[in-house]
């Protein structure tokens, strides 16, 4: 298992992994709004595609309602 720190930008114009931040986290932009977990689901789908793994291998560890999140990657 590996932890992945992510800073998200919800309600963006497109879905993309934008950049690596100075603190080592990834900045991820998603078009989904931060309502009802939609942005979290979109981030998981985007990270899975970016990393070439299945979405069920990614789970949210912390930051459910925050822009700064920690995901667990399990293979």
N, C-alpha and C. Protein backbone atom coordinates (compact mmCIF):
# COMPACT_ATOMS: atom_id res chain seq x y z
N UNK A 1 0.84 -1.19 0.00
CA UNK A 1 0.00 0.00 0.00
C UNK A 1 0.88 1.25 0.00
N UNK A 2 0.43 2.23 -0.71
CA UNK A 2 1.17 3.48 -0.80
C UNK A 2 0.20 4.64 -0.61
N UNK A 3 0.65 5.68 0.09
CA UNK A 3 -0.17 6.88 0.26
C UNK A 3 0.14 7.87 -0.84
N UNK A 4 -0.91 8.51 -1.33
CA UNK A 4 -0.76 9.53 -2.35
C UNK A 4 -1.48 10.79 -1.87
N UNK A 5 -0.74 11.86 -1.70
CA UNK A 5 -1.32 13.13 -1.26
C UNK A 5 -1.74 13.93 -2.49
N UNK A 6 -2.97 14.45 -2.43
CA UNK A 6 -3.55 15.13 -3.58
C UNK A 6 -4.21 16.43 -3.12
N UNK A 7 -4.00 17.48 -3.88
CA UNK A 7 -4.74 18.73 -3.70
C UNK A 7 -5.67 18.84 -4.89
N UNK A 8 -6.97 18.94 -4.62
CA UNK A 8 -7.91 18.96 -5.74
C UNK A 8 -8.46 20.35 -6.00
N UNK A 9 -8.82 20.54 -7.25
CA UNK A 9 -9.48 21.76 -7.68
C UNK A 9 -10.78 21.34 -8.36
N UNK A 10 -11.89 21.32 -7.59
CA UNK A 10 -13.18 20.88 -8.16
C UNK A 10 -13.79 21.96 -9.05
N UNK A 11 -14.75 21.56 -9.86
CA UNK A 11 -15.48 22.46 -10.76
C UNK A 11 -14.53 23.20 -11.71
N UNK A 12 -13.50 22.50 -12.17
CA UNK A 12 -12.56 23.07 -13.14
C UNK A 12 -13.10 22.91 -14.55
N UNK A 13 -12.40 23.46 -15.51
CA UNK A 13 -12.86 23.38 -16.89
C UNK A 13 -12.60 22.02 -17.53
N UNK A 14 -11.62 21.25 -17.01
CA UNK A 14 -11.37 19.92 -17.55
C UNK A 14 -10.78 19.01 -16.48
N UNK A 15 -10.84 17.71 -16.75
CA UNK A 15 -10.27 16.70 -15.85
C UNK A 15 -8.82 16.46 -16.24
N UNK A 16 -7.91 16.72 -15.30
CA UNK A 16 -6.50 16.47 -15.59
C UNK A 16 -5.68 16.48 -14.30
N UNK A 17 -4.55 15.77 -14.36
CA UNK A 17 -3.55 15.87 -13.30
C UNK A 17 -2.72 17.07 -13.70
N UNK A 18 -2.87 18.17 -12.96
CA UNK A 18 -2.31 19.45 -13.38
C UNK A 18 -0.80 19.58 -13.17
N UNK A 19 -0.34 19.30 -11.96
CA UNK A 19 1.07 19.52 -11.67
C UNK A 19 1.44 18.86 -10.35
N UNK A 20 2.74 18.81 -10.09
CA UNK A 20 3.21 18.34 -8.79
C UNK A 20 3.52 19.59 -7.96
N UNK A 21 2.97 19.61 -6.76
CA UNK A 21 3.11 20.77 -5.88
C UNK A 21 4.47 20.72 -5.17
N UNK A 22 4.87 21.84 -4.60
CA UNK A 22 6.14 21.93 -3.89
C UNK A 22 6.21 20.99 -2.69
N UNK A 23 5.05 20.69 -2.08
CA UNK A 23 5.04 19.80 -0.91
C UNK A 23 5.04 18.32 -1.29
N UNK A 24 5.12 18.03 -2.61
CA UNK A 24 5.17 16.65 -3.06
C UNK A 24 3.82 16.07 -3.45
N UNK A 25 2.74 16.79 -3.20
CA UNK A 25 1.42 16.29 -3.56
C UNK A 25 1.14 16.58 -5.03
N UNK A 26 0.15 15.89 -5.56
CA UNK A 26 -0.29 16.15 -6.93
C UNK A 26 -1.46 17.12 -6.90
N UNK A 27 -1.53 18.01 -7.87
CA UNK A 27 -2.70 18.86 -8.02
C UNK A 27 -3.55 18.24 -9.12
N UNK A 28 -4.81 17.96 -8.78
CA UNK A 28 -5.73 17.31 -9.71
C UNK A 28 -6.93 18.22 -9.91
N UNK A 29 -7.25 18.50 -11.16
CA UNK A 29 -8.40 19.32 -11.52
C UNK A 29 -9.50 18.42 -12.07
N UNK A 30 -10.71 18.58 -11.55
CA UNK A 30 -11.86 17.79 -12.03
C UNK A 30 -13.04 18.72 -12.30
N UNK A 31 -13.88 18.32 -13.24
CA UNK A 31 -15.03 19.13 -13.60
C UNK A 31 -16.19 18.94 -12.62
N UNK A 32 -16.18 17.87 -11.86
CA UNK A 32 -17.27 17.57 -10.92
C UNK A 32 -17.32 18.60 -9.79
N UNK A 33 -18.52 18.94 -9.34
CA UNK A 33 -18.65 19.87 -8.22
C UNK A 33 -18.35 19.18 -6.89
N UNK A 34 -17.96 19.95 -5.88
CA UNK A 34 -17.66 19.36 -4.58
C UNK A 34 -18.92 19.12 -3.75
N UNK A 35 -19.86 18.39 -4.32
CA UNK A 35 -21.15 18.15 -3.67
C UNK A 35 -21.43 16.66 -3.67
N UNK A 36 -21.78 16.12 -2.53
CA UNK A 36 -22.19 14.73 -2.44
C UNK A 36 -21.13 13.72 -2.82
N UNK A 37 -19.87 14.07 -2.71
CA UNK A 37 -18.79 13.14 -3.01
C UNK A 37 -18.50 12.99 -4.50
N UNK A 38 -19.13 13.80 -5.33
CA UNK A 38 -18.92 13.70 -6.78
C UNK A 38 -17.48 14.01 -7.17
N UNK A 39 -16.89 15.02 -6.56
CA UNK A 39 -15.50 15.36 -6.88
C UNK A 39 -14.56 14.25 -6.43
N UNK A 40 -14.80 13.65 -5.28
CA UNK A 40 -13.96 12.55 -4.80
C UNK A 40 -14.01 11.37 -5.77
N UNK A 41 -15.19 11.03 -6.25
CA UNK A 41 -15.36 9.94 -7.20
C UNK A 41 -14.63 10.25 -8.50
N UNK A 42 -14.73 11.49 -8.95
CA UNK A 42 -14.05 11.90 -10.18
C UNK A 42 -12.53 11.85 -10.02
N UNK A 43 -12.04 12.24 -8.86
CA UNK A 43 -10.60 12.20 -8.61
C UNK A 43 -10.10 10.76 -8.62
N UNK A 44 -10.83 9.86 -8.00
CA UNK A 44 -10.44 8.45 -7.98
C UNK A 44 -10.40 7.90 -9.41
N UNK A 45 -11.40 8.20 -10.21
CA UNK A 45 -11.43 7.73 -11.60
C UNK A 45 -10.26 8.29 -12.40
N UNK A 46 -9.97 9.56 -12.21
CA UNK A 46 -8.88 10.20 -12.94
C UNK A 46 -7.52 9.64 -12.51
N UNK A 47 -7.33 9.47 -11.20
CA UNK A 47 -6.07 8.90 -10.71
C UNK A 47 -5.88 7.48 -11.21
N UNK A 48 -6.95 6.69 -11.24
CA UNK A 48 -6.85 5.32 -11.73
C UNK A 48 -6.41 5.30 -13.19
N UNK A 49 -7.00 6.17 -13.98
CA UNK A 49 -6.62 6.25 -15.40
C UNK A 49 -5.18 6.70 -15.54
N UNK A 50 -4.79 7.71 -14.78
CA UNK A 50 -3.43 8.27 -14.83
C UNK A 50 -2.38 7.23 -14.41
N UNK A 51 -2.71 6.44 -13.39
CA UNK A 51 -1.76 5.45 -12.87
C UNK A 51 -1.86 4.10 -13.57
N UNK A 52 -2.87 3.92 -14.41
CA UNK A 52 -3.04 2.67 -15.13
C UNK A 52 -3.51 1.52 -14.24
N UNK A 53 -4.35 1.83 -13.25
CA UNK A 53 -4.87 0.81 -12.35
C UNK A 53 -6.40 0.91 -12.30
N UNK A 54 -7.03 -0.03 -11.65
CA UNK A 54 -8.49 -0.03 -11.52
C UNK A 54 -8.90 0.91 -10.38
N UNK A 55 -10.05 1.59 -10.51
CA UNK A 55 -10.50 2.51 -9.45
C UNK A 55 -10.68 1.86 -8.09
N UNK A 56 -11.02 0.56 -8.05
CA UNK A 56 -11.21 -0.09 -6.75
C UNK A 56 -9.90 -0.30 -6.00
N UNK A 57 -8.76 -0.02 -6.64
CA UNK A 57 -7.46 -0.09 -5.97
C UNK A 57 -7.11 1.22 -5.27
N UNK A 58 -7.98 2.20 -5.36
CA UNK A 58 -7.74 3.51 -4.75
C UNK A 58 -8.86 3.78 -3.74
N UNK A 59 -8.48 4.15 -2.53
CA UNK A 59 -9.48 4.51 -1.53
C UNK A 59 -9.06 5.79 -0.82
N UNK A 60 -10.05 6.55 -0.39
CA UNK A 60 -9.82 7.81 0.31
C UNK A 60 -9.52 7.53 1.77
N UNK A 61 -8.36 7.95 2.23
CA UNK A 61 -7.96 7.75 3.64
C UNK A 61 -8.42 8.93 4.48
N UNK A 62 -8.16 10.14 4.01
CA UNK A 62 -8.55 11.33 4.78
C UNK A 62 -8.80 12.51 3.84
N UNK A 63 -9.57 13.47 4.34
CA UNK A 63 -9.85 14.68 3.58
C UNK A 63 -11.13 14.62 2.79
N UNK A 64 -12.12 13.90 3.29
CA UNK A 64 -13.38 13.73 2.55
C UNK A 64 -13.99 15.06 2.10
N UNK A 65 -13.95 16.08 2.96
CA UNK A 65 -14.54 17.38 2.62
C UNK A 65 -13.50 18.48 2.45
N UNK A 66 -12.24 18.11 2.34
CA UNK A 66 -11.16 19.07 2.21
C UNK A 66 -10.59 19.04 0.80
N UNK A 67 -9.91 20.11 0.39
CA UNK A 67 -9.22 20.10 -0.89
C UNK A 67 -7.94 19.29 -0.83
N UNK A 68 -7.40 19.12 0.35
CA UNK A 68 -6.20 18.30 0.54
C UNK A 68 -6.64 16.92 1.02
N UNK A 69 -6.29 15.91 0.23
CA UNK A 69 -6.74 14.55 0.51
C UNK A 69 -5.57 13.58 0.52
N UNK A 70 -5.76 12.46 1.16
CA UNK A 70 -4.78 11.38 1.14
C UNK A 70 -5.51 10.14 0.66
N UNK A 71 -4.98 9.55 -0.40
CA UNK A 71 -5.53 8.33 -0.96
C UNK A 71 -4.57 7.18 -0.68
N UNK A 72 -5.13 5.98 -0.55
CA UNK A 72 -4.34 4.77 -0.40
C UNK A 72 -4.41 4.00 -1.71
N UNK A 73 -3.24 3.66 -2.24
CA UNK A 73 -3.15 2.87 -3.46
C UNK A 73 -2.78 1.45 -3.05
N UNK A 74 -3.62 0.49 -3.37
CA UNK A 74 -3.32 -0.91 -3.05
C UNK A 74 -3.35 -1.73 -4.33
N UNK A 75 -2.37 -2.57 -4.47
CA UNK A 75 -2.29 -3.42 -5.68
C UNK A 75 -2.26 -4.87 -5.31
